[in-house]
Amino acid sequence: MLIEQLFDTGLGHASYLCADPDAGVAFLVDPDRHIDAYLSVASRLGVLVTHSFETHIHND
């Protein structure tokens, strides 16, 4: 399992892409609405994002 943190300094928002490269899948934790960064990381790791989880409501 690989975990990559993505951090938006402007919003102080941390999110995570958790990937299993052997299985070729990943999930996101607390993603923001701009998906390009997540798709870029997923592509670099050779995985497909299959799920997204929200741990709390974001007001942004």
Protein backbone atom coordinates (compact mmCIF):
# COMPACT_ATOMS: atom_id res chain seq x y z
CA MET A 1 0.00 0.00 0.00
CA LEU A 2 1.32 3.42 -1.00
CA ILE A 3 -0.04 6.63 0.52
CA GLU A 4 0.57 10.00 -1.11
CA GLN A 5 -0.47 13.22 0.59
CA LEU A 6 -1.65 16.08 -1.59
CA PHE A 7 -1.71 19.45 0.18
CA ASP A 8 -3.32 22.70 -0.95
CA THR A 9 -1.39 25.42 0.88
CA GLY A 10 -3.91 28.10 -0.08
CA LEU A 11 -6.73 26.27 1.68
CA GLY A 12 -4.66 24.34 4.21
CA HIS A 13 -6.37 21.23 2.86
CA ALA A 14 -4.73 17.79 3.03
CA SER A 15 -6.00 14.83 1.06
CA TYR A 16 -4.60 11.39 0.35
CA LEU A 17 -4.35 8.92 -2.50
CA CYS A 18 -3.96 5.38 -1.17
CA ALA A 19 -2.85 2.90 -3.81
CA ASP A 20 -2.21 -0.79 -4.26
CA PRO A 21 -0.02 -0.90 -7.37
CA ASP A 22 -0.06 -4.71 -7.42
CA ALA A 23 -3.87 -4.69 -7.73
CA GLY A 24 -3.85 -1.56 -9.92
CA VAL A 25 -6.39 0.33 -7.80
CA ALA A 26 -6.49 3.32 -5.46
CA PHE A 27 -8.89 5.32 -3.32
CA LEU A 28 -8.97 8.96 -2.25
CA VAL A 29 -9.46 10.35 1.24
CA ASP A 30 -10.90 13.88 1.55
CA PRO A 31 -10.24 14.93 -2.07
CA ASP A 32 -10.96 18.46 -3.17
CA ARG A 33 -12.95 19.30 -6.29
CA HIS A 34 -9.92 19.74 -8.55
CA ILE A 35 -9.13 16.20 -9.71
CA ASP A 36 -6.17 16.76 -12.03
CA ALA A 37 -3.56 16.28 -9.29
CA TYR A 38 -5.14 12.98 -8.20
CA LEU A 39 -5.34 11.69 -11.76
CA SER A 40 -1.70 12.64 -12.31
CA VAL A 41 -0.53 10.72 -9.24
CA ALA A 42 -2.71 7.74 -10.16
CA SER A 43 -1.27 7.71 -13.67
CA ARG A 44 2.30 7.90 -12.35
CA LEU A 45 1.59 4.94 -10.05
CA GLY A 46 -0.24 2.99 -12.76
CA VAL A 47 -3.47 2.69 -10.77
CA LEU A 48 -7.17 3.43 -11.28
CA VAL A 49 -9.04 5.42 -8.63
CA THR A 50 -12.11 3.37 -7.73
CA HIS A 51 -13.40 4.97 -4.51
CA SER A 52 -13.49 8.27 -2.65
CA PHE A 53 -14.05 8.75 1.08
CA GLU A 54 -14.96 11.92 3.00
CA THR A 55 -14.04 12.00 6.67
CA HIS A 56 -15.75 15.33 7.33
CA ILE A 57 -17.58 18.14 5.54
CA HIS A 58 -15.40 20.72 3.84
CA ASN A 59 -16.66 24.28 3.68
CA ASP A 60 -14.49 25.19 0.71
